């Protein structure tokens, strides 16, 4: 009797375990988004990388990977590749919380500019800030101030790299 009960328990456990679905693109994307909101870019990066392996064509997943890489301490240079792919498909009606979103937000231009700056591509960075500026409402003081700061920083960096100071 004991053996029969054990067999029934094991077979029902195996049946239930076999019914669980493997994680999907949506699962990994949503977990990555949550971790990014929770200020865990390394954890988010791991989830977005798995989602990217499932669908690398989405501008949105490339945007999210680019954001994570920009926040990374050691892999900032990798952001350029993903953000370059993201800015090819921009949407003014971007919905950040939807895994089914395939476009990237206009803000991708700004972050692509930052990634280019990290890689010493100052002229291209300034061009991306200009592209982002086309989407900014002239009344949006916060974005305008942010743009002005990054453009000034990039211009200064360009000058400093062109004219290094011998110490």
Foldseek 3Di string as FASTA:
>chain_A
DVVVVVVVVVVVVVVVVVPDDDDALLNLQQVLVVCVVVVNLVSSLVSLVVSCVVPVQALLSLLSNLVSQCVDPPRNLVSLVSLVSQVVFEDCPDDNNDSPHRHHHLCSLQSNLVSCLVVVNLVSSLVSLVSSVVVDDPVPPVSVVVSVVSNVVSVVVNVCVVPPDDD
